[in-house]
């Protein structure tokens, strides 16, 4: 989900109680890639995937 939104390369995923923190590198033309950190919950993922009841 995060990779498709950022078009970045995965650096790491760190779990926590109700979700995870995803760190990606996003390429910029002619510039150094930007590090982007996104914190998401399992609830967010379920809503996107349509698995929420």
C-alpha atoms as a PDB file:
ATOM      1  CA  UNK A   1       0.000   0.000   0.000  1.00  0.00           C
ATOM      2  CA  UNK A   2       2.716   2.487   0.991  1.00  0.00           C
ATOM      3  CA  UNK A   3       4.980   1.541  -1.910  1.00  0.00           C
ATOM      4  CA  UNK A   4       2.191   2.010  -4.452  1.00  0.00           C
ATOM      5  CA  UNK A   5       1.335   5.443  -3.030  1.00  0.00           C
ATOM      6  CA  UNK A   6       4.935   6.712  -2.902  1.00  0.00           C
ATOM      7  CA  UNK A   7       6.495   4.866  -5.878  1.00  0.00           C
ATOM      8  CA  UNK A   8       9.415   4.318  -3.533  1.00  0.00           C
ATOM      9  CA  UNK A   9      11.834   1.503  -2.635  1.00  0.00           C
ATOM     10  CA  UNK A  10      11.290  -0.328   0.631  1.00  0.00           C
ATOM     11  CA  UNK A  11      13.939   0.265   3.307  1.00  0.00           C
ATOM     12  CA  UNK A  12      12.282  -1.223   6.389  1.00  0.00           C
ATOM     13  CA  UNK A  13       9.088  -2.299   8.111  1.00  0.00           C
ATOM     14  CA  UNK A  14       8.840  -2.192  11.897  1.00  0.00           C
ATOM     15  CA  UNK A  15       5.767  -3.640  13.614  1.00  0.00           C
ATOM     16  CA  UNK A  16       4.101  -2.121  16.648  1.00  0.00           C
ATOM     17  CA  UNK A  17       0.944  -2.960  18.617  1.00  0.00           C
ATOM     18  CA  UNK A  18      -1.755  -2.167  16.049  1.00  0.00           C
ATOM     19  CA  UNK A  19       0.203  -1.547  12.843  1.00  0.00           C
ATOM     20  CA  UNK A  20       3.641  -0.846  11.455  1.00  0.00           C
ATOM     21  CA  UNK A  21       6.071   1.875  10.439  1.00  0.00           C
ATOM     22  CA  UNK A  22       7.200   1.662   6.815  1.00  0.00           C
ATOM     23  CA  UNK A  23      10.314   3.510   5.615  1.00  0.00           C
ATOM     24  CA  UNK A  24      10.841   4.014   1.869  1.00  0.00           C
ATOM     25  CA  UNK A  25      13.214   5.916  -0.422  1.00  0.00           C
ATOM     26  CA  UNK A  26      11.472   8.086  -3.005  1.00  0.00           C
ATOM     27  CA  UNK A  27      13.577   8.974  -6.066  1.00  0.00           C
ATOM     28  CA  UNK A  28      13.769  12.586  -7.242  1.00  0.00           C
ATOM     29  CA  UNK A  29      15.028  13.485 -10.725  1.00  0.00           C
ATOM     30  CA  UNK A  30      18.646  14.586 -10.450  1.00  0.00           C
ATOM     31  CA  UNK A  31      18.464  14.813  -6.667  1.00  0.00           C
ATOM     32  CA  UNK A  32      19.227  12.604  -3.726  1.00  0.00           C
ATOM     33  CA  UNK A  33      16.320  10.238  -2.848  1.00  0.00           C
ATOM     34  CA  UNK A  34      14.042  11.355  -0.036  1.00  0.00           C
ATOM     35  CA  UNK A  35      13.439   9.088   2.974  1.00  0.00           C
ATOM     36  CA  UNK A  36       9.724   8.868   3.764  1.00  0.00           C
ATOM     37  CA  UNK A  37       8.375   7.270   6.955  1.00  0.00           C
ATOM     38  CA  UNK A  38       4.712   6.217   7.042  1.00  0.00           C
ATOM     39  CA  UNK A  39       2.957   4.813  10.091  1.00  0.00           C
ATOM     40  CA  UNK A  40      -0.092   2.719   9.299  1.00  0.00           C
ATOM     41  CA  UNK A  41      -2.539   0.637  11.281  1.00  0.00           C
ATOM     42  CA  UNK A  42      -3.875  -2.788  10.415  1.00  0.00           C
ATOM     43  CA  UNK A  43      -7.327  -1.176  10.312  1.00  0.00           C
ATOM     44  CA  UNK A  44      -6.159   1.154   7.495  1.00  0.00           C
ATOM     45  CA  UNK A  45      -4.940  -1.816   5.464  1.00  0.00           C
ATOM     46  CA  UNK A  46      -8.183  -3.752   5.992  1.00  0.00           C
ATOM     47  CA  UNK A  47     -10.249  -0.785   4.745  1.00  0.00           C
ATOM     48  CA  UNK A  48      -8.154  -0.495   1.585  1.00  0.00           C
ATOM     49  CA  UNK A  49      -8.212  -4.220   0.867  1.00  0.00           C
ATOM     50  CA  UNK A  50     -11.961  -4.396   1.488  1.00  0.00           C
ATOM     51  CA  UNK A  51     -11.636  -6.952   4.292  1.00  0.00           C
ATOM     52  CA  UNK A  52     -13.386  -4.857   6.913  1.00  0.00           C
ATOM     53  CA  UNK A  53     -16.606  -6.401   8.296  1.00  0.00           C
END
